[in-house]
Every structure is written in structure tokens, then in C-alpha cells.
């Protein structure tokens, strides 16, 4: 990337594995929401580090808001953005 930074674009795509991961879509939404605030990779890493905490809970939204606050994100609209499904419609 350093050598060819003007000629290469790195693209990372989320492909939520919904058949094996009950919170796949909501976690992918959270990462995208964080990305809109400039913290995509920070949230990506946080969710991988804490996966055992949230992967099997019925609704991880409150945990995700906590993680977002820890990363310094504006948390005022996160719950409504997740429930709207705007990222994965």
C-alpha cells in the first residue's frame, strides 16, 4: 500500500454470516455507523476483541453504544440508526 498508494485502493467489505452468527447484521451495522464518524477500524477491532461478550446476547445494541462511547463516538443516534436498518436494507 505504501509503495502504490496513488494507484491502489483498499476496499473492505462486510459480509455478515447470518446463518451462523445471530448478531452478524447488527455488528456490521455498528461498524458502518462508526465508520461514518471516522472510527471504522477502531470499532471493527473492538467488536472482534469483545465478541464473546456480545455474540450470543439477544440484542447487543446497548453494549455497542457503550463501546462507541469508549471510542469517543457521538452515541445520540446509534440506537435509532441500528433499529432503522438503514445500513442493510
PDB file of N, CA and C in Angstrom:
ATOM      1  N   UNK A   1       0.821  -1.189   0.000  1.00  0.00           N
ATOM      2  CA  UNK A   1       0.000   0.000   0.000  1.00  0.00           C
ATOM      3  C   UNK A   1       0.869   1.258   0.000  1.00  0.00           C
ATOM      4  N   UNK A   2       1.928   1.246   0.769  1.00  0.00           N
ATOM      5  CA  UNK A   2       2.791   2.427   0.805  1.00  0.00           C
ATOM      6  C   UNK A   2       3.401   2.706  -0.562  1.00  0.00           C
ATOM      7  N   UNK A   3       3.905   1.669  -1.198  1.00  0.00           N
ATOM      8  CA  UNK A   3       4.588   1.845  -2.482  1.00  0.00           C
ATOM      9  C   UNK A   3       3.621   2.279  -3.580  1.00  0.00           C
ATOM     10  N   UNK A   4       2.392   1.762  -3.579  1.00  0.00           N
ATOM     11  CA  UNK A   4       1.448   2.025  -4.661  1.00  0.00           C
ATOM     12  C   UNK A   4       0.218   2.813  -4.210  1.00  0.00           C
ATOM     13  N   UNK A   5       0.356   3.589  -3.145  1.00  0.00           N
ATOM     14  CA  UNK A   5      -0.799   4.266  -2.556  1.00  0.00           C
ATOM     15  C   UNK A   5      -1.582   5.149  -3.529  1.00  0.00           C
ATOM     16  N   UNK A   6      -0.942   5.671  -4.553  1.00  0.00           N
ATOM     17  CA  UNK A   6      -1.652   6.505  -5.525  1.00  0.00           C
ATOM     18  C   UNK A   6      -2.344   5.674  -6.602  1.00  0.00           C
ATOM     19  N   UNK A   7      -2.053   4.382  -6.665  1.00  0.00           N
ATOM     20  CA  UNK A   7      -2.594   3.533  -7.711  1.00  0.00           C
ATOM     21  C   UNK A   7      -3.472   2.391  -7.200  1.00  0.00           C
ATOM     22  N   UNK A   8      -3.563   2.247  -5.879  1.00  0.00           N
ATOM     23  CA  UNK A   8      -4.298   1.138  -5.297  1.00  0.00           C
ATOM     24  C   UNK A   8      -5.301   1.670  -4.288  1.00  0.00           C
ATOM     25  N   UNK A   9      -6.480   1.092  -4.304  1.00  0.00           N
ATOM     26  CA  UNK A   9      -7.482   1.417  -3.303  1.00  0.00           C
ATOM     27  C   UNK A   9      -7.788   0.149  -2.524  1.00  0.00           C
ATOM     28  N   UNK A  10      -7.694   0.232  -1.214  1.00  0.00           N
ATOM     29  CA  UNK A  10      -8.024  -0.896  -0.352  1.00  0.00           C
ATOM     30  C   UNK A  10      -9.509  -0.807  -0.029  1.00  0.00           C
ATOM     31  N   UNK A  11     -10.236  -1.867  -0.331  1.00  0.00           N
ATOM     32  CA  UNK A  11     -11.668  -1.911  -0.060  1.00  0.00           C
ATOM     33  C   UNK A  11     -11.938  -3.104   0.842  1.00  0.00           C
ATOM     34  N   UNK A  12     -12.649  -2.850   1.940  1.00  0.00           N
ATOM     35  CA  UNK A  12     -13.011  -3.900   2.876  1.00  0.00           C
ATOM     36  C   UNK A  12     -14.523  -3.997   2.887  1.00  0.00           C
ATOM     37  N   UNK A  13     -15.052  -5.176   2.670  1.00  0.00           N
ATOM     38  CA  UNK A  13     -16.498  -5.370   2.633  1.00  0.00           C
ATOM     39  C   UNK A  13     -16.944  -6.247   3.793  1.00  0.00           C
ATOM     40  N   UNK A  14     -18.087  -5.901   4.345  1.00  0.00           N
ATOM     41  CA  UNK A  14     -18.716  -6.733   5.359  1.00  0.00           C
ATOM     42  C   UNK A  14     -19.650  -7.715   4.669  1.00  0.00           C
ATOM     43  N   UNK A  15     -19.509  -8.965   4.990  1.00  0.00           N
ATOM     44  CA  UNK A  15     -20.424  -9.989   4.516  1.00  0.00           C
ATOM     45  C   UNK A  15     -20.922 -10.735   5.752  1.00  0.00           C
ATOM     46  N   UNK A  16     -21.954 -10.183   6.400  1.00  0.00           N
ATOM     47  CA  UNK A  16     -22.440 -10.793   7.639  1.00  0.00           C
ATOM     48  C   UNK A  16     -22.878 -12.245   7.420  1.00  0.00           C
ATOM     49  N   UNK A  17     -22.365 -13.132   8.244  1.00  0.00           N
ATOM     50  CA  UNK A  17     -22.681 -14.558   8.149  1.00  0.00           C
ATOM     51  C   UNK A  17     -23.914 -14.845   9.004  1.00  0.00           C
ATOM     52  N   UNK A  18     -25.058 -14.505   8.489  1.00  0.00           N
ATOM     53  CA  UNK A  18     -26.297 -14.578   9.254  1.00  0.00           C
ATOM     54  C   UNK A  18     -26.728 -16.000   9.589  1.00  0.00           C
ATOM     55  N   UNK A  19     -26.299 -16.959   8.837  1.00  0.00           N
ATOM     56  CA  UNK A  19     -26.715 -18.334   9.113  1.00  0.00           C
ATOM     57  C   UNK A  19     -25.987 -18.936  10.307  1.00  0.00           C
ATOM     58  N   UNK A  20     -24.849 -18.371  10.680  1.00  0.00           N
ATOM     59  CA  UNK A  20     -24.096 -18.930  11.806  1.00  0.00           C
ATOM     60  C   UNK A  20     -23.864 -17.932  12.939  1.00  0.00           C
ATOM     61  N   UNK A  21     -24.286 -16.702  12.743  1.00  0.00           N
ATOM     62  CA  UNK A  21     -23.987 -15.653  13.726  1.00  0.00           C
ATOM     63  C   UNK A  21     -25.238 -14.798  13.917  1.00  0.00           C
ATOM     64  N   UNK A  22     -25.914 -14.955  15.028  1.00  0.00           N
ATOM     65  CA  UNK A  22     -27.199 -14.289  15.248  1.00  0.00           C
ATOM     66  C   UNK A  22     -27.109 -12.763  15.242  1.00  0.00           C
ATOM     67  N   UNK A  23     -25.966 -12.201  15.574  1.00  0.00           N
ATOM     68  CA  UNK A  23     -25.806 -10.750  15.618  1.00  0.00           C
ATOM     69  C   UNK A  23     -24.912 -10.219  14.497  1.00  0.00           C
ATOM     70  N   UNK A  24     -24.830 -10.967  13.427  1.00  0.00           N
ATOM     71  CA  UNK A  24     -23.945 -10.578  12.319  1.00  0.00           C
ATOM     72  C   UNK A  24     -24.345  -9.248  11.694  1.00  0.00           C
ATOM     73  N   UNK A  25     -25.619  -9.070  11.431  1.00  0.00           N
ATOM     74  CA  UNK A  25     -26.054  -7.849  10.757  1.00  0.00           C
ATOM     75  C   UNK A  25     -25.906  -6.637  11.666  1.00  0.00           C
ATOM     76  N   UNK A  26     -26.331  -6.760  12.914  1.00  0.00           N
ATOM     77  CA  UNK A  26     -26.248  -5.613  13.815  1.00  0.00           C
ATOM     78  C   UNK A  26     -24.791  -5.222  14.080  1.00  0.00           C
ATOM     79  N   UNK A  27     -23.894  -6.191  14.131  1.00  0.00           N
ATOM     80  CA  UNK A  27     -22.480  -5.842  14.327  1.00  0.00           C
ATOM     81  C   UNK A  27     -21.915  -5.164  13.080  1.00  0.00           C
ATOM     82  N   UNK A  28     -22.313  -5.635  11.909  1.00  0.00           N
ATOM     83  CA  UNK A  28     -21.872  -4.983  10.674  1.00  0.00           C
ATOM     84  C   UNK A  28     -22.429  -3.563  10.594  1.00  0.00           C
ATOM     85  N   UNK A  29     -23.677  -3.392  11.036  1.00  0.00           N
ATOM     86  CA  UNK A  29     -24.260  -2.048  11.073  1.00  0.00           C
ATOM     87  C   UNK A  29     -23.445  -1.130  11.990  1.00  0.00           C
ATOM     88  N   UNK A  30     -23.089  -1.646  13.158  1.00  0.00           N
ATOM     89  CA  UNK A  30     -22.364  -0.827  14.129  1.00  0.00           C
ATOM     90  C   UNK A  30     -21.027  -0.372  13.577  1.00  0.00           C
ATOM     91  N   UNK A  31     -20.342  -1.249  12.893  1.00  0.00           N
ATOM     92  CA  UNK A  31     -19.045  -0.880  12.314  1.00  0.00           C
ATOM     93  C   UNK A  31     -19.229   0.203  11.251  1.00  0.00           C
ATOM     94  N   UNK A  32     -20.260   0.075  10.429  1.00  0.00           N
ATOM     95  CA  UNK A  32     -20.506   1.080   9.400  1.00  0.00           C
ATOM     96  C   UNK A  32     -20.892   2.424  10.023  1.00  0.00           C
ATOM     97  N   UNK A  33     -21.708   2.387  11.073  1.00  0.00           N
ATOM     98  CA  UNK A  33     -22.090   3.618  11.767  1.00  0.00           C
ATOM     99  C   UNK A  33     -20.850   4.291  12.343  1.00  0.00           C
ATOM    100  N   UNK A  34     -19.981   3.508  12.946  1.00  0.00           N
ATOM    101  CA  UNK A  34     -18.721   4.054  13.469  1.00  0.00           C
ATOM    102  C   UNK A  34     -17.887   4.636  12.334  1.00  0.00           C
ATOM    103  N   UNK A  35     -17.896   3.970  11.210  1.00  0.00           N
ATOM    104  CA  UNK A  35     -17.159   4.461  10.047  1.00  0.00           C
ATOM    105  C   UNK A  35     -17.636   5.822   9.576  1.00  0.00           C
ATOM    106  N   UNK A  36     -18.933   6.046   9.687  1.00  0.00           N
ATOM    107  CA  UNK A  36     -19.472   7.353   9.308  1.00  0.00           C
ATOM    108  C   UNK A  36     -18.939   8.466  10.212  1.00  0.00           C
ATOM    109  N   UNK A  37     -18.455   8.070  11.393  1.00  0.00           N
ATOM    110  CA  UNK A  37     -17.860   9.042  12.320  1.00  0.00           C
ATOM    111  C   UNK A  37     -16.328   8.947  12.326  1.00  0.00           C
ATOM    112  N   UNK A  38     -15.778   8.242  11.350  1.00  0.00           N
ATOM    113  CA  UNK A  38     -14.330   8.170  11.213  1.00  0.00           C
ATOM    114  C   UNK A  38     -13.640   7.157  12.112  1.00  0.00           C
ATOM    115  N   UNK A  39     -14.399   6.195  12.637  1.00  0.00           N
ATOM    116  CA  UNK A  39     -13.814   5.217  13.557  1.00  0.00           C
ATOM    117  C   UNK A  39     -14.121   3.780  13.134  1.00  0.00           C
ATOM    118  N   UNK A  40     -14.144   3.534  11.832  1.00  0.00           N
ATOM    119  CA  UNK A  40     -14.469   2.205  11.329  1.00  0.00           C
ATOM    120  C   UNK A  40     -13.550   1.140  11.921  1.00  0.00           C
ATOM    121  N   UNK A  41     -12.260   1.302  11.742  1.00  0.00           N
ATOM    122  CA  UNK A  41     -11.313   0.272  12.161  1.00  0.00           C
ATOM    123  C   UNK A  41     -11.240   0.128  13.672  1.00  0.00           C
ATOM    124  N   UNK A  42     -11.421   1.226  14.382  1.00  0.00           N
ATOM    125  CA  UNK A  42     -11.418   1.138  15.840  1.00  0.00           C
ATOM    126  C   UNK A  42     -12.588   0.281  16.327  1.00  0.00           C
ATOM    127  N   UNK A  43     -13.789   0.501  15.748  1.00  0.00           N
ATOM    128  CA  UNK A  43     -14.947  -0.302  16.139  1.00  0.00           C
ATOM    129  C   UNK A  43     -14.794  -1.736  15.637  1.00  0.00           C
ATOM    130  N   UNK A  44     -14.297  -1.902  14.458  1.00  0.00           N
ATOM    131  CA  UNK A  44     -14.024  -3.240  13.916  1.00  0.00           C
ATOM    132  C   UNK A  44     -13.176  -4.038  14.897  1.00  0.00           C
ATOM    133  N   UNK A  45     -12.086  -3.441  15.332  1.00  0.00           N
ATOM    134  CA  UNK A  45     -11.188  -4.119  16.273  1.00  0.00           C
ATOM    135  C   UNK A  45     -11.864  -4.374  17.617  1.00  0.00           C
ATOM    136  N   UNK A  46     -12.624  -3.394  18.093  1.00  0.00           N
ATOM    137  CA  UNK A  46     -13.316  -3.534  19.377  1.00  0.00           C
ATOM    138  C   UNK A  46     -14.310  -4.693  19.333  1.00  0.00           C
ATOM    139  N   UNK A  47     -15.050  -4.814  18.250  1.00  0.00           N
ATOM    140  CA  UNK A  47     -16.027  -5.901  18.155  1.00  0.00           C
ATOM    141  C   UNK A  47     -15.357  -7.263  18.070  1.00  0.00           C
ATOM    142  N   UNK A  48     -14.240  -7.358  17.394  1.00  0.00           N
ATOM    143  CA  UNK A  48     -13.515  -8.632  17.376  1.00  0.00           C
ATOM    144  C   UNK A  48     -12.950  -8.969  18.754  1.00  0.00           C
ATOM    145  N   UNK A  49     -12.431  -7.965  19.444  1.00  0.00           N
ATOM    146  CA  UNK A  49     -11.858  -8.182  20.783  1.00  0.00           C
ATOM    147  C   UNK A  49     -12.908  -8.590  21.811  1.00  0.00           C
ATOM    148  N   UNK A  50     -14.128  -8.122  21.647  1.00  0.00           N
ATOM    149  CA  UNK A  50     -15.176  -8.354  22.655  1.00  0.00           C
ATOM    150  C   UNK A  50     -16.265  -9.306  22.165  1.00  0.00           C
ATOM    151  N   UNK A  51     -15.993 -10.029  21.123  1.00  0.00           N
ATOM    152  CA  UNK A  51     -17.015 -10.868  20.500  1.00  0.00           C
ATOM    153  C   UNK A  51     -17.694 -11.835  21.467  1.00  0.00           C
ATOM    154  N   UNK A  52     -16.955 -12.370  22.428  1.00  0.00           N
ATOM    155  CA  UNK A  52     -17.575 -13.303  23.370  1.00  0.00           C
ATOM    156  C   UNK A  52     -18.592 -12.607  24.285  1.00  0.00           C
ATOM    157  N   UNK A  53     -18.474 -11.299  24.456  1.00  0.00           N
ATOM    158  CA  UNK A  53     -19.417 -10.553  25.292  1.00  0.00           C
ATOM    159  C   UNK A  53     -20.758 -10.341  24.605  1.00  0.00           C
ATOM    160  N   UNK A  54     -20.766 -10.121  23.294  1.00  0.00           N
ATOM    161  CA  UNK A  54     -21.987  -9.708  22.610  1.00  0.00           C
ATOM    162  C   UNK A  54     -22.529 -10.698  21.585  1.00  0.00           C
ATOM    163  N   UNK A  55     -21.770 -11.686  21.201  1.00  0.00           N
ATOM    164  CA  UNK A  55     -22.174 -12.530  20.068  1.00  0.00           C
ATOM    165  C   UNK A  55     -23.438 -13.345  20.299  1.00  0.00           C
ATOM    166  N   UNK A  56     -23.741 -13.689  21.533  1.00  0.00           N
ATOM    167  CA  UNK A  56     -24.912 -14.518  21.791  1.00  0.00           C
ATOM    168  C   UNK A  56     -26.025 -13.823  22.560  1.00  0.00           C
ATOM    169  N   UNK A  57     -25.866 -12.549  22.882  1.00  0.00           N
ATOM    170  CA  UNK A  57     -26.940 -11.847  23.586  1.00  0.00           C
ATOM    171  C   UNK A  57     -28.082 -11.562  22.606  1.00  0.00           C
ATOM    172  N   UNK A  58     -29.324 -11.522  23.104  1.00  0.00           N
ATOM    173  CA  UNK A  58     -30.454 -11.284  22.202  1.00  0.00           C
ATOM    174  C   UNK A  58     -30.368  -9.961  21.442  1.00  0.00           C
ATOM    175  N   UNK A  59     -29.899  -8.910  22.109  1.00  0.00           N
ATOM    176  CA  UNK A  59     -29.780  -7.610  21.455  1.00  0.00           C
ATOM    177  C   UNK A  59     -28.534  -6.894  21.993  1.00  0.00           C
ATOM    178  N   UNK A  60     -27.472  -6.835  21.197  1.00  0.00           N
ATOM    179  CA  UNK A  60     -26.217  -6.240  21.668  1.00  0.00           C
ATOM    180  C   UNK A  60     -26.148  -4.718  21.543  1.00  0.00           C
ATOM    181  N   UNK A  61     -27.245  -4.082  21.175  1.00  0.00           N
ATOM    182  CA  UNK A  61     -27.224  -2.644  20.910  1.00  0.00           C
ATOM    183  C   UNK A  61     -26.679  -1.831  22.080  1.00  0.00           C
ATOM    184  N   UNK A  62     -27.131  -2.108  23.301  1.00  0.00           N
ATOM    185  CA  UNK A  62     -26.643  -1.343  24.454  1.00  0.00           C
ATOM    186  C   UNK A  62     -25.141  -1.515  24.653  1.00  0.00           C
ATOM    187  N   UNK A  63     -24.647  -2.730  24.459  1.00  0.00           N
ATOM    188  CA  UNK A  63     -23.195  -2.948  24.546  1.00  0.00           C
ATOM    189  C   UNK A  63     -22.469  -2.153  23.472  1.00  0.00           C
ATOM    190  N   UNK A  64     -23.027  -2.144  22.273  1.00  0.00           N
ATOM    191  CA  UNK A  64     -22.392  -1.413  21.179  1.00  0.00           C
ATOM    192  C   UNK A  64     -22.353   0.082  21.457  1.00  0.00           C
ATOM    193  N   UNK A  65     -23.396   0.599  22.068  1.00  0.00           N
ATOM    194  CA  UNK A  65     -23.403   2.024  22.433  1.00  0.00           C
ATOM    195  C   UNK A  65     -22.310   2.295  23.463  1.00  0.00           C
ATOM    196  N   UNK A  66     -22.125   1.374  24.398  1.00  0.00           N
ATOM    197  CA  UNK A  66     -21.054   1.510  25.391  1.00  0.00           C
ATOM    198  C   UNK A  66     -19.690   1.528  24.708  1.00  0.00           C
ATOM    199  N   UNK A  67     -19.487   0.603  23.781  1.00  0.00           N
ATOM    200  CA  UNK A  67     -18.211   0.561  23.045  1.00  0.00           C
ATOM    201  C   UNK A  67     -18.011   1.862  22.270  1.00  0.00           C
ATOM    202  N   UNK A  68     -19.070   2.346  21.643  1.00  0.00           N
ATOM    203  CA  UNK A  68     -18.980   3.589  20.869  1.00  0.00           C
ATOM    204  C   UNK A  68     -18.566   4.753  21.764  1.00  0.00           C
ATOM    205  N   UNK A  69     -19.137   4.815  22.955  1.00  0.00           N
ATOM    206  CA  UNK A  69     -18.775   5.880  23.894  1.00  0.00           C
ATOM    207  C   UNK A  69     -17.307   5.765  24.284  1.00  0.00           C
ATOM    208  N   UNK A  70     -16.840   4.534  24.508  1.00  0.00           N
ATOM    209  CA  UNK A  70     -15.433   4.325  24.857  1.00  0.00           C
ATOM    210  C   UNK A  70     -14.508   4.805  23.741  1.00  0.00           C
ATOM    211  N   UNK A  71     -14.981   4.716  22.503  1.00  0.00           N
ATOM    212  CA  UNK A  71     -14.172   5.149  21.357  1.00  0.00           C
ATOM    213  C   UNK A  71     -14.351   6.629  21.040  1.00  0.00           C
ATOM    214  N   UNK A  72     -15.176   7.299  21.817  1.00  0.00           N
ATOM    215  CA  UNK A  72     -15.368   8.729  21.611  1.00  0.00           C
ATOM    216  C   UNK A  72     -16.348   9.085  20.513  1.00  0.00           C
ATOM    217  N   UNK A  73     -17.236   8.164  20.164  1.00  0.00           N
ATOM    218  CA  UNK A  73     -18.220   8.447  19.127  1.00  0.00           C
ATOM    219  C   UNK A  73     -19.416   9.192  19.698  1.00  0.00           C
ATOM    220  N   UNK A  74     -20.124   9.887  18.841  1.00  0.00           N
ATOM    221  CA  UNK A  74     -21.379  10.521  19.210  1.00  0.00           C
ATOM    222  C   UNK A  74     -22.413   9.399  19.277  1.00  0.00           C
ATOM    223  N   UNK A  75     -22.914   9.117  20.450  1.00  0.00           N
ATOM    224  CA  UNK A  75     -23.802   7.968  20.643  1.00  0.00           C
ATOM    225  C   UNK A  75     -25.288   8.322  20.579  1.00  0.00           C
ATOM    226  N   UNK A  76     -25.620   9.578  20.379  1.00  0.00           N
ATOM    227  CA  UNK A  76     -27.014  10.011  20.471  1.00  0.00           C
ATOM    228  C   UNK A  76     -27.946   9.326  19.476  1.00  0.00           C
ATOM    229  N   UNK A  77     -27.455   8.951  18.323  1.00  0.00           N
ATOM    230  CA  UNK A  77     -28.350   8.377  17.306  1.00  0.00           C
ATOM    231  C   UNK A  77     -28.069   6.904  16.991  1.00  0.00           C
ATOM    232  N   UNK A  78     -27.156   6.282  17.688  1.00  0.00           N
ATOM    233  CA  UNK A  78     -26.761   4.913  17.339  1.00  0.00           C
ATOM    234  C   UNK A  78     -27.926   3.941  17.430  1.00  0.00           C
ATOM    235  N   UNK A  79     -28.680   3.980  18.514  1.00  0.00           N
ATOM    236  CA  UNK A  79     -29.803   3.040  18.657  1.00  0.00           C
ATOM    237  C   UNK A  79     -30.818   3.205  17.534  1.00  0.00           C
ATOM    238  N   UNK A  80     -31.148   4.434  17.208  1.00  0.00           N
ATOM    239  CA  UNK A  80     -32.132   4.647  16.142  1.00  0.00           C
ATOM    240  C   UNK A  80     -31.578   4.257  14.782  1.00  0.00           C
ATOM    241  N   UNK A  81     -30.284   4.465  14.560  1.00  0.00           N
ATOM    242  CA  UNK A  81     -29.681   4.059  13.291  1.00  0.00           C
ATOM    243  C   UNK A  81     -29.685   2.545  13.144  1.00  0.00           C
ATOM    244  N   UNK A  82     -29.388   1.832  14.220  1.00  0.00           N
ATOM    245  CA  UNK A  82     -29.401   0.374  14.170  1.00  0.00           C
ATOM    246  C   UNK A  82     -30.824  -0.122  13.941  1.00  0.00           C
ATOM    247  N   UNK A  83     -31.781   0.389  14.702  1.00  0.00           N
ATOM    248  CA  UNK A  83     -33.158  -0.101  14.571  1.00  0.00           C
ATOM    249  C   UNK A  83     -33.778   0.273  13.224  1.00  0.00           C
ATOM    250  N   UNK A  84     -33.295   1.338  12.604  1.00  0.00           N
ATOM    251  CA  UNK A  84     -33.829   1.724  11.292  1.00  0.00           C
ATOM    252  C   UNK A  84     -33.406   0.749  10.200  1.00  0.00           C
ATOM    253  N   UNK A  85     -32.295   0.057  10.437  1.00  0.00           N
ATOM    254  CA  UNK A  85     -31.794  -0.863   9.419  1.00  0.00           C
ATOM    255  C   UNK A  85     -31.255  -0.166   8.187  1.00  0.00           C
ATOM    256  N   UNK A  86     -30.953   1.113   8.298  1.00  0.00           N
ATOM    257  CA  UNK A  86     -30.531   1.892   7.127  1.00  0.00           C
ATOM    258  C   UNK A  86     -29.285   1.351   6.433  1.00  0.00           C
ATOM    259  N   UNK A  87     -28.426   0.696   7.174  1.00  0.00           N
ATOM    260  CA  UNK A  87     -27.189   0.209   6.579  1.00  0.00           C
ATOM    261  C   UNK A  87     -27.428  -1.027   5.707  1.00  0.00           C
ATOM    262  N   UNK A  88     -28.266  -1.933   6.179  1.00  0.00           N
ATOM    263  CA  UNK A  88     -28.502  -3.192   5.440  1.00  0.00           C
ATOM    264  C   UNK A  88     -29.973  -3.382   5.126  1.00  0.00           C
ATOM    265  N   UNK A  89     -30.481  -2.590   4.233  1.00  0.00           N
ATOM    266  CA  UNK A  89     -31.860  -2.755   3.759  1.00  0.00           C
ATOM    267  C   UNK A  89     -31.857  -3.507   2.493  1.00  0.00           C
TER     268      UNK A  89
END
